[in-house]
Amino acid sequence: MGLNLGLQDAFNLGWKLAAEVAGWAPAGLLDSYHAERHPVTAAVLDNTRAQTELLSCAPGARAVRRLVAELMDFD
């Protein structure tokens, strides 16, 4: 997920920088980078943290895995 996120960030910033250098970027285009990409990054980080916790061998993580497995069996 992190690699994909990095590629998306690079693409988003790259075309905006190219537009700025070429002189056809509208005002504030570069400023839009943070507002567009920060929420995506935060969501990926939350997801990664959750997956890391679920991979733990701690009793709490095992209990959560069992509970989620049971919930997935519902129609």
Protein backbone atom coordinates (compact mmCIF):
# COMPACT_ATOMS: atom_id res chain seq x y z
CA MET A 1 0.00 0.00 0.00
CA GLY A 2 2.80 2.40 0.80
CA LEU A 3 4.46 1.98 -2.57
CA ASN A 4 1.19 2.58 -4.40
CA LEU A 5 0.56 5.63 -2.22
CA GLY A 6 4.00 7.01 -3.04
CA LEU A 7 3.41 6.58 -6.76
CA GLN A 8 0.05 8.33 -6.54
CA ASP A 9 1.60 11.18 -4.55
CA ALA A 10 4.42 11.54 -7.08
CA PHE A 11 1.98 11.61 -9.98
CA ASN A 12 -0.27 14.15 -8.27
CA LEU A 13 2.60 16.47 -7.43
CA GLY A 14 4.49 15.85 -10.67
CA TRP A 15 1.85 17.08 -13.09
CA LYS A 16 1.17 20.08 -10.86
CA LEU A 17 4.85 21.01 -10.81
CA ALA A 18 5.04 20.54 -14.58
CA ALA A 19 2.03 22.82 -15.03
CA GLU A 20 3.64 25.45 -12.80
CA VAL A 21 6.96 25.32 -14.66
CA ALA A 22 5.21 25.41 -18.05
CA GLY A 23 3.18 28.41 -16.96
CA TRP A 24 -0.32 27.01 -17.44
CA ALA A 25 -1.15 26.14 -13.82
CA PRO A 26 -4.10 28.00 -12.34
CA ALA A 27 -3.47 29.97 -9.16
CA GLY A 28 -3.34 27.76 -6.07
CA LEU A 29 -2.80 24.49 -7.93
CA LEU A 30 0.29 23.55 -5.93
CA ASP A 31 -1.52 24.46 -2.73
CA SER A 32 -4.15 21.81 -3.49
CA TYR A 33 -1.64 18.96 -3.10
CA HIS A 34 -1.88 18.72 0.69
CA ALA A 35 -5.66 18.95 0.83
CA GLU A 36 -6.00 16.22 -1.81
CA ARG A 37 -3.35 13.77 -0.65
CA HIS A 38 -3.21 14.15 3.15
CA PRO A 39 -6.60 12.45 3.82
CA VAL A 40 -5.62 9.53 1.58
CA THR A 41 -2.31 9.13 3.38
CA ALA A 42 -4.02 9.27 6.79
CA ALA A 43 -6.48 6.55 5.74
CA VAL A 44 -3.68 4.28 4.45
CA LEU A 45 -1.73 4.81 7.66
CA ASP A 46 -4.79 3.90 9.78
CA ASN A 47 -5.34 0.78 7.68
CA THR A 48 -1.68 -0.23 7.98
CA ARG A 49 -1.75 0.26 11.75
CA ALA A 50 -4.91 -1.86 12.04
CA GLN A 51 -3.37 -4.65 9.96
CA THR A 52 -0.21 -4.56 12.04
CA GLU A 53 -2.23 -4.87 15.24
CA LEU A 54 -4.21 -7.79 13.83
CA LEU A 55 -1.00 -9.61 12.94
CA SER A 56 0.16 -9.44 16.55
CA CYS A 57 0.30 -12.60 18.64
CA ALA A 58 -1.09 -10.75 21.66
CA PRO A 59 -4.25 -12.20 23.24
CA GLY A 60 -6.29 -9.12 22.32
CA ALA A 61 -5.38 -9.38 18.65
CA ARG A 62 -6.22 -13.08 18.61
CA ALA A 63 -9.62 -12.33 20.16
CA VAL A 64 -10.33 -9.65 17.55
CA ARG A 65 -9.36 -12.02 14.73
CA ARG A 66 -11.72 -14.68 16.08
CA LEU A 67 -14.54 -12.15 16.43
CA VAL A 68 -14.05 -10.80 12.91
CA ALA A 69 -13.94 -14.34 11.52
CA GLU A 70 -17.25 -15.11 13.25
CA LEU A 71 -18.82 -11.89 11.98
CA MET A 72 -17.75 -12.71 8.42
CA ASP A 73 -19.76 -15.94 8.60
CA PHE A 74 -23.05 -14.02 8.87
CA ASP A 75 -25.10 -13.76 5.68
